[in-house]
């Protein structure tokens, strides 16, 4: 049984390179998905921190609410 590279048809070599390309693309996609997941986690944590700071800031500040008087109600006379 002869097993040399000369015996392999060009089609079989092409199939092998196709598998390598697909595995490489899959690895790149996994890396991108992992990076996106980490970025999303960090953004979620940052939003939570900002929300906590905002709540603390709003609770600590004196009330600056302006009381607006409602316009007088007109009574209809008959």
PDB file of N, CA and C in Angstrom:
ATOM      1  N   UNK A   1       0.845  -1.172   0.000  1.00  0.00           N
ATOM      2  CA  UNK A   1       0.000   0.000   0.000  1.00  0.00           C
ATOM      3  C   UNK A   1       0.890   1.234   0.000  1.00  0.00           C
ATOM      4  N   UNK A   2       0.712   2.025  -1.010  1.00  0.00           N
ATOM      5  CA  UNK A   2       1.503   3.236  -1.152  1.00  0.00           C
ATOM      6  C   UNK A   2       0.739   4.420  -0.560  1.00  0.00           C
ATOM      7  N   UNK A   3       1.388   5.176   0.302  1.00  0.00           N
ATOM      8  CA  UNK A   3       0.767   6.388   0.835  1.00  0.00           C
ATOM      9  C   UNK A   3       1.745   7.535   0.677  1.00  0.00           C
ATOM     10  N   UNK A   4       1.673   8.200  -0.405  1.00  0.00           N
ATOM     11  CA  UNK A   4       2.520   9.369  -0.624  1.00  0.00           C
ATOM     12  C   UNK A   4       1.639  10.531  -1.047  1.00  0.00           C
ATOM     13  N   UNK A   5       2.212  11.699  -0.976  1.00  0.00           N
ATOM     14  CA  UNK A   5       1.443  12.888  -1.350  1.00  0.00           C
ATOM     15  C   UNK A   5       1.122  12.904  -2.839  1.00  0.00           C
ATOM     16  N   UNK A   6       1.916  12.215  -3.618  1.00  0.00           N
ATOM     17  CA  UNK A   6       1.675  12.187  -5.058  1.00  0.00           C
ATOM     18  C   UNK A   6       0.399  11.419  -5.375  1.00  0.00           C
ATOM     19  N   UNK A   7       0.038  10.463  -4.518  1.00  0.00           N
ATOM     20  CA  UNK A   7      -1.167   9.672  -4.758  1.00  0.00           C
ATOM     21  C   UNK A   7      -2.453  10.432  -4.435  1.00  0.00           C
ATOM     22  N   UNK A   8      -2.370  11.474  -3.599  1.00  0.00           N
ATOM     23  CA  UNK A   8      -3.569  12.211  -3.205  1.00  0.00           C
ATOM     24  C   UNK A   8      -4.057  13.064  -4.370  1.00  0.00           C
ATOM     25  N   UNK A   9      -5.312  12.996  -4.608  1.00  0.00           N
ATOM     26  CA  UNK A   9      -5.875  13.790  -5.691  1.00  0.00           C
ATOM     27  C   UNK A   9      -5.963  15.254  -5.250  1.00  0.00           C
ATOM     28  N   UNK A  10      -5.987  16.189  -6.190  1.00  0.00           N
ATOM     29  CA  UNK A  10      -6.118  17.607  -5.825  1.00  0.00           C
ATOM     30  C   UNK A  10      -7.417  17.887  -5.069  1.00  0.00           C
ATOM     31  N   UNK A  11      -8.447  17.131  -5.363  1.00  0.00           N
ATOM     32  CA  UNK A  11      -9.740  17.323  -4.690  1.00  0.00           C
ATOM     33  C   UNK A  11      -9.615  17.001  -3.201  1.00  0.00           C
ATOM     34  N   UNK A  12      -8.892  15.949  -2.858  1.00  0.00           N
ATOM     35  CA  UNK A  12      -8.738  15.558  -1.464  1.00  0.00           C
ATOM     36  C   UNK A  12      -7.917  16.596  -0.705  1.00  0.00           C
ATOM     37  N   UNK A  13      -6.870  17.133  -1.321  1.00  0.00           N
ATOM     38  CA  UNK A  13      -6.077  18.184  -0.667  1.00  0.00           C
ATOM     39  C   UNK A  13      -6.922  19.438  -0.457  1.00  0.00           C
ATOM     40  N   UNK A  14      -7.774  19.725  -1.417  1.00  0.00           N
ATOM     41  CA  UNK A  14      -8.648  20.896  -1.303  1.00  0.00           C
ATOM     42  C   UNK A  14      -9.628  20.715  -0.147  1.00  0.00           C
ATOM     43  N   UNK A  15     -10.139  19.518   0.049  1.00  0.00           N
ATOM     44  CA  UNK A  15     -11.048  19.250   1.164  1.00  0.00           C
ATOM     45  C   UNK A  15     -10.351  19.474   2.501  1.00  0.00           C
ATOM     46  N   UNK A  16      -9.089  19.077   2.586  1.00  0.00           N
ATOM     47  CA  UNK A  16      -8.329  19.274   3.815  1.00  0.00           C
ATOM     48  C   UNK A  16      -8.112  20.745   4.112  1.00  0.00           C
ATOM     49  N   UNK A  17      -7.824  21.529   3.094  1.00  0.00           N
ATOM     50  CA  UNK A  17      -7.613  22.966   3.316  1.00  0.00           C
ATOM     51  C   UNK A  17      -8.934  23.658   3.658  1.00  0.00           C
ATOM     52  N   UNK A  18     -10.025  23.157   3.114  1.00  0.00           N
ATOM     53  CA  UNK A  18     -11.341  23.711   3.441  1.00  0.00           C
ATOM     54  C   UNK A  18     -11.657  23.496   4.920  1.00  0.00           C
ATOM     55  N   UNK A  19     -11.332  22.324   5.422  1.00  0.00           N
ATOM     56  CA  UNK A  19     -11.553  22.036   6.839  1.00  0.00           C
ATOM     57  C   UNK A  19     -10.712  22.975   7.704  1.00  0.00           C
ATOM     58  N   UNK A  20      -9.465  23.202   7.319  1.00  0.00           N
ATOM     59  CA  UNK A  20      -8.601  24.118   8.078  1.00  0.00           C
ATOM     60  C   UNK A  20      -9.154  25.539   8.072  1.00  0.00           C
ATOM     61  N   UNK A  21      -9.658  25.983   6.933  1.00  0.00           N
ATOM     62  CA  UNK A  21     -10.236  27.327   6.838  1.00  0.00           C
ATOM     63  C   UNK A  21     -11.471  27.429   7.716  1.00  0.00           C
ATOM     64  N   UNK A  22     -12.312  26.413   7.694  1.00  0.00           N
ATOM     65  CA  UNK A  22     -13.527  26.434   8.517  1.00  0.00           C
ATOM     66  C   UNK A  22     -13.193  26.415  10.007  1.00  0.00           C
ATOM     67  N   UNK A  23     -12.211  25.627  10.406  1.00  0.00           N
ATOM     68  CA  UNK A  23     -11.816  25.592  11.820  1.00  0.00           C
ATOM     69  C   UNK A  23     -11.249  26.945  12.233  1.00  0.00           C
ATOM     70  N   UNK A  24     -10.465  27.573  11.362  1.00  0.00           N
ATOM     71  CA  UNK A  24      -9.912  28.900  11.660  1.00  0.00           C
ATOM     72  C   UNK A  24     -11.022  29.932  11.809  1.00  0.00           C
ATOM     73  N   UNK A  25     -11.983  29.910  10.886  1.00  0.00           N
ATOM     74  CA  UNK A  25     -13.106  30.848  10.979  1.00  0.00           C
ATOM     75  C   UNK A  25     -13.923  30.612  12.247  1.00  0.00           C
ATOM     76  N   UNK A  26     -14.125  29.358  12.600  1.00  0.00           N
ATOM     77  CA  UNK A  26     -14.857  29.037  13.822  1.00  0.00           C
ATOM     78  C   UNK A  26     -14.121  29.538  15.050  1.00  0.00           C
ATOM     79  N   UNK A  27     -12.793  29.386  15.064  1.00  0.00           N
ATOM     80  CA  UNK A  27     -11.993  29.882  16.192  1.00  0.00           C
ATOM     81  C   UNK A  27     -12.089  31.400  16.301  1.00  0.00           C
ATOM     82  N   UNK A  28     -12.050  32.083  15.169  1.00  0.00           N
ATOM     83  CA  UNK A  28     -12.169  33.552  15.175  1.00  0.00           C
ATOM     84  C   UNK A  28     -13.541  33.963  15.694  1.00  0.00           C
ATOM     85  N   UNK A  29     -14.595  33.258  15.270  1.00  0.00           N
ATOM     86  CA  UNK A  29     -15.943  33.584  15.730  1.00  0.00           C
ATOM     87  C   UNK A  29     -16.084  33.363  17.233  1.00  0.00           C
ATOM     88  N   UNK A  30     -15.475  32.308  17.754  1.00  0.00           N
ATOM     89  CA  UNK A  30     -15.530  32.052  19.191  1.00  0.00           C
ATOM     90  C   UNK A  30     -14.805  33.151  19.953  1.00  0.00           C
ATOM     91  N   UNK A  31     -13.653  33.596  19.443  1.00  0.00           N
ATOM     92  CA  UNK A  31     -12.919  34.686  20.103  1.00  0.00           C
ATOM     93  C   UNK A  31     -13.735  35.977  20.102  1.00  0.00           C
ATOM     94  N   UNK A  32     -14.399  36.277  18.991  1.00  0.00           N
ATOM     95  CA  UNK A  32     -15.224  37.483  18.915  1.00  0.00           C
ATOM     96  C   UNK A  32     -16.414  37.395  19.869  1.00  0.00           C
ATOM     97  N   UNK A  33     -17.036  36.238  19.946  1.00  0.00           N
ATOM     98  CA  UNK A  33     -18.169  36.067  20.856  1.00  0.00           C
ATOM     99  C   UNK A  33     -17.721  36.223  22.305  1.00  0.00           C
ATOM    100  N   UNK A  34     -16.565  35.685  22.641  1.00  0.00           N
ATOM    101  CA  UNK A  34     -16.037  35.819  23.995  1.00  0.00           C
ATOM    102  C   UNK A  34     -15.724  37.275  24.311  1.00  0.00           C
ATOM    103  N   UNK A  35     -15.098  37.971  23.371  1.00  0.00           N
ATOM    104  CA  UNK A  35     -14.774  39.385  23.580  1.00  0.00           C
ATOM    105  C   UNK A  35     -16.049  40.209  23.752  1.00  0.00           C
ATOM    106  N   UNK A  36     -17.069  39.927  22.946  1.00  0.00           N
ATOM    107  CA  UNK A  36     -18.333  40.652  23.069  1.00  0.00           C
ATOM    108  C   UNK A  36     -19.004  40.369  24.409  1.00  0.00           C
ATOM    109  N   UNK A  37     -18.923  39.139  24.859  1.00  0.00           N
ATOM    110  CA  UNK A  37     -19.521  38.776  26.136  1.00  0.00           C
ATOM    111  C   UNK A  37     -18.830  39.509  27.286  1.00  0.00           C
ATOM    112  N   UNK A  38     -17.506  39.574  27.228  1.00  0.00           N
ATOM    113  CA  UNK A  38     -16.760  40.290  28.269  1.00  0.00           C
ATOM    114  C   UNK A  38     -17.087  41.780  28.240  1.00  0.00           C
ATOM    115  N   UNK A  39     -17.150  42.354  27.041  1.00  0.00           N
ATOM    116  CA  UNK A  39     -17.470  43.776  26.922  1.00  0.00           C
ATOM    117  C   UNK A  39     -18.864  44.057  27.464  1.00  0.00           C
ATOM    118  N   UNK A  40     -19.810  43.186  27.162  1.00  0.00           N
ATOM    119  CA  UNK A  40     -21.175  43.353  27.656  1.00  0.00           C
ATOM    120  C   UNK A  40     -21.230  43.261  29.175  1.00  0.00           C
ATOM    121  N   UNK A  41     -20.465  42.335  29.748  1.00  0.00           N
ATOM    122  CA  UNK A  41     -20.407  42.193  31.200  1.00  0.00           C
ATOM    123  C   UNK A  41     -19.853  43.467  31.838  1.00  0.00           C
ATOM    124  N   UNK A  42     -18.760  44.006  31.270  1.00  0.00           N
ATOM    125  CA  UNK A  42     -18.158  45.221  31.827  1.00  0.00           C
ATOM    126  C   UNK A  42     -19.096  46.423  31.690  1.00  0.00           C
ATOM    127  N   UNK A  43     -19.802  46.518  30.564  1.00  0.00           N
ATOM    128  CA  UNK A  43     -20.754  47.611  30.384  1.00  0.00           C
ATOM    129  C   UNK A  43     -21.904  47.506  31.378  1.00  0.00           C
ATOM    130  N   UNK A  44     -22.392  46.296  31.604  1.00  0.00           N
ATOM    131  CA  UNK A  44     -23.474  46.099  32.579  1.00  0.00           C
ATOM    132  C   UNK A  44     -23.019  46.511  33.974  1.00  0.00           C
ATOM    133  N   UNK A  45     -21.799  46.133  34.324  1.00  0.00           N
ATOM    134  CA  UNK A  45     -21.264  46.480  35.637  1.00  0.00           C
ATOM    135  C   UNK A  45     -21.084  47.996  35.766  1.00  0.00           C
ATOM    136  N   UNK A  46     -20.636  48.648  34.695  1.00  0.00           N
ATOM    137  CA  UNK A  46     -20.448  50.099  34.722  1.00  0.00           C
ATOM    138  C   UNK A  46     -21.785  50.827  34.843  1.00  0.00           C
ATOM    139  N   UNK A  47     -22.800  50.353  34.152  1.00  0.00           N
ATOM    140  CA  UNK A  47     -24.134  50.962  34.254  1.00  0.00           C
ATOM    141  C   UNK A  47     -24.674  50.813  35.666  1.00  0.00           C
ATOM    142  N   UNK A  48     -24.457  49.647  36.263  1.00  0.00           N
ATOM    143  CA  UNK A  48     -24.902  49.425  37.631  1.00  0.00           C
ATOM    144  C   UNK A  48     -24.204  50.394  38.592  1.00  0.00           C
ATOM    145  N   UNK A  49     -22.897  50.593  38.399  1.00  0.00           N
ATOM    146  CA  UNK A  49     -22.141  51.519  39.235  1.00  0.00           C
ATOM    147  C   UNK A  49     -22.636  52.951  39.043  1.00  0.00           C
ATOM    148  N   UNK A  50     -22.879  53.354  37.807  1.00  0.00           N
ATOM    149  CA  UNK A  50     -23.395  54.695  37.542  1.00  0.00           C
ATOM    150  C   UNK A  50     -24.772  54.892  38.159  1.00  0.00           C
ATOM    151  N   UNK A  51     -25.600  53.872  38.074  1.00  0.00           N
ATOM    152  CA  UNK A  51     -26.934  53.969  38.665  1.00  0.00           C
ATOM    153  C   UNK A  51     -26.842  54.125  40.185  1.00  0.00           C
ATOM    154  N   UNK A  52     -25.948  53.364  40.807  1.00  0.00           N
ATOM    155  CA  UNK A  52     -25.756  53.472  42.254  1.00  0.00           C
ATOM    156  C   UNK A  52     -25.275  54.862  42.639  1.00  0.00           C
ATOM    157  N   UNK A  53     -24.320  55.382  41.891  1.00  0.00           N
ATOM    158  CA  UNK A  53     -23.813  56.737  42.171  1.00  0.00           C
ATOM    159  C   UNK A  53     -24.907  57.784  41.989  1.00  0.00           C
ATOM    160  N   UNK A  54     -25.699  57.632  40.949  1.00  0.00           N
ATOM    161  CA  UNK A  54     -26.783  58.584  40.681  1.00  0.00           C
ATOM    162  C   UNK A  54     -27.812  58.551  41.816  1.00  0.00           C
ATOM    163  N   UNK A  55     -28.153  57.357  42.270  1.00  0.00           N
ATOM    164  CA  UNK A  55     -29.120  57.241  43.366  1.00  0.00           C
ATOM    165  C   UNK A  55     -28.561  57.885  44.632  1.00  0.00           C
ATOM    166  N   UNK A  56     -27.283  57.628  44.917  1.00  0.00           N
ATOM    167  CA  UNK A  56     -26.665  58.236  46.095  1.00  0.00           C
ATOM    168  C   UNK A  56     -26.634  59.757  45.980  1.00  0.00           C
ATOM    169  N   UNK A  57     -26.326  60.257  44.784  1.00  0.00           N
ATOM    170  CA  UNK A  57     -26.264  61.706  44.571  1.00  0.00           C
ATOM    171  C   UNK A  57     -27.639  62.336  44.748  1.00  0.00           C
ATOM    172  N   UNK A  58     -28.655  61.696  44.212  1.00  0.00           N
ATOM    173  CA  UNK A  58     -29.999  62.263  44.306  1.00  0.00           C
ATOM    174  C   UNK A  58     -30.554  62.179  45.727  1.00  0.00           C
ATOM    175  N   UNK A  59     -30.197  61.137  46.450  1.00  0.00           N
ATOM    176  CA  UNK A  59     -30.663  61.007  47.827  1.00  0.00           C
ATOM    177  C   UNK A  59     -29.934  61.964  48.766  1.00  0.00           C
ATOM    178  N   UNK A  60     -28.700  62.298  48.469  1.00  0.00           N
ATOM    179  CA  UNK A  60     -27.910  63.141  49.353  1.00  0.00           C
ATOM    180  C   UNK A  60     -28.191  64.628  49.149  1.00  0.00           C
ATOM    181  N   UNK A  61     -28.609  65.018  47.963  1.00  0.00           N
ATOM    182  CA  UNK A  61     -28.804  66.445  47.699  1.00  0.00           C
ATOM    183  C   UNK A  61     -30.100  66.934  48.339  1.00  0.00           C
ATOM    184  N   UNK A  62     -30.105  68.208  48.786  1.00  0.00           N
ATOM    185  CA  UNK A  62     -31.346  68.764  49.329  1.00  0.00           C
ATOM    186  C   UNK A  62     -32.386  68.869  48.208  1.00  0.00           C
ATOM    187  N   UNK A  63     -33.598  68.860  48.620  1.00  0.00           N
ATOM    188  CA  UNK A  63     -34.674  68.898  47.644  1.00  0.00           C
ATOM    189  C   UNK A  63     -34.705  70.248  46.941  1.00  0.00           C
ATOM    190  N   UNK A  64     -34.623  70.207  45.651  1.00  0.00           N
ATOM    191  CA  UNK A  64     -34.699  71.425  44.840  1.00  0.00           C
ATOM    192  C   UNK A  64     -36.032  71.488  44.104  1.00  0.00           C
ATOM    193  N   UNK A  65     -36.979  70.741  44.603  1.00  0.00           N
ATOM    194  CA  UNK A  65     -38.278  70.721  43.943  1.00  0.00           C
ATOM    195  C   UNK A  65     -38.978  72.054  44.135  1.00  0.00           C
ATOM    196  N   UNK A  66     -39.534  72.542  43.068  1.00  0.00           N
ATOM    197  CA  UNK A  66     -40.291  73.786  43.110  1.00  0.00           C
ATOM    198  C   UNK A  66     -41.761  73.423  43.160  1.00  0.00           C
ATOM    199  N   UNK A  67     -42.449  73.977  44.132  1.00  0.00           N
ATOM    200  CA  UNK A  67     -43.873  73.709  44.249  1.00  0.00           C
ATOM    201  C   UNK A  67     -44.595  74.683  43.340  1.00  0.00           C
ATOM    202  N   UNK A  68     -45.312  74.139  42.413  1.00  0.00           N
ATOM    203  CA  UNK A  68     -46.040  74.963  41.452  1.00  0.00           C
ATOM    204  C   UNK A  68     -47.491  74.959  41.875  1.00  0.00           C
ATOM    205  N   UNK A  69     -48.013  76.166  42.047  1.00  0.00           N
ATOM    206  CA  UNK A  69     -49.420  76.274  42.434  1.00  0.00           C
ATOM    207  C   UNK A  69     -50.286  75.974  41.219  1.00  0.00           C
ATOM    208  N   UNK A  70     -51.354  75.274  41.474  1.00  0.00           N
ATOM    209  CA  UNK A  70     -52.257  74.964  40.389  1.00  0.00           C
ATOM    210  C   UNK A  70     -53.077  76.212  40.067  1.00  0.00           C
ATOM    211  N   UNK A  71     -53.458  76.384  38.818  1.00  0.00           N
ATOM    212  CA  UNK A  71     -54.270  77.558  38.473  1.00  0.00           C
ATOM    213  C   UNK A  71     -55.617  77.467  39.185  1.00  0.00           C
ATOM    214  N   UNK A  72     -56.158  78.615  39.528  1.00  0.00           N
ATOM    215  CA  UNK A  72     -57.447  78.599  40.232  1.00  0.00           C
ATOM    216  C   UNK A  72     -58.533  77.966  39.384  1.00  0.00           C
ATOM    217  N   UNK A  73     -59.414  77.262  40.047  1.00  0.00           N
ATOM    218  CA  UNK A  73     -60.513  76.597  39.373  1.00  0.00           C
ATOM    219  C   UNK A  73     -61.669  77.580  39.245  1.00  0.00           C
ATOM    220  N   UNK A  74     -62.142  77.745  38.036  1.00  0.00           N
ATOM    221  CA  UNK A  74     -63.267  78.655  37.814  1.00  0.00           C
ATOM    222  C   UNK A  74     -64.564  77.913  38.060  1.00  0.00           C
ATOM    223  N   UNK A  75     -65.382  78.506  38.886  1.00  0.00           N
ATOM    224  CA  UNK A  75     -66.687  77.913  39.183  1.00  0.00           C
ATOM    225  C   UNK A  75     -67.694  78.497  38.210  1.00  0.00           C
ATOM    226  N   UNK A  76     -68.459  77.630  37.671  1.00  0.00           N
ATOM    227  CA  UNK A  76     -69.482  78.103  36.716  1.00  0.00           C
ATOM    228  C   UNK A  76     -70.696  78.582  37.513  1.00  0.00           C
ATOM    229  N   UNK A  77     -71.157  79.763  37.177  1.00  0.00           N
ATOM    230  CA  UNK A  77     -72.346  80.277  37.856  1.00  0.00           C
ATOM    231  C   UNK A  77     -73.546  80.115  36.941  1.00  0.00           C
ATOM    232  N   UNK A  78     -74.673  79.772  37.528  1.00  0.00           N
ATOM    233  CA  UNK A  78     -75.893  79.564  36.735  1.00  0.00           C
ATOM    234  C   UNK A  78     -76.892  80.636  36.995  1.00  0.00           C
TER     235      UNK A  78
END
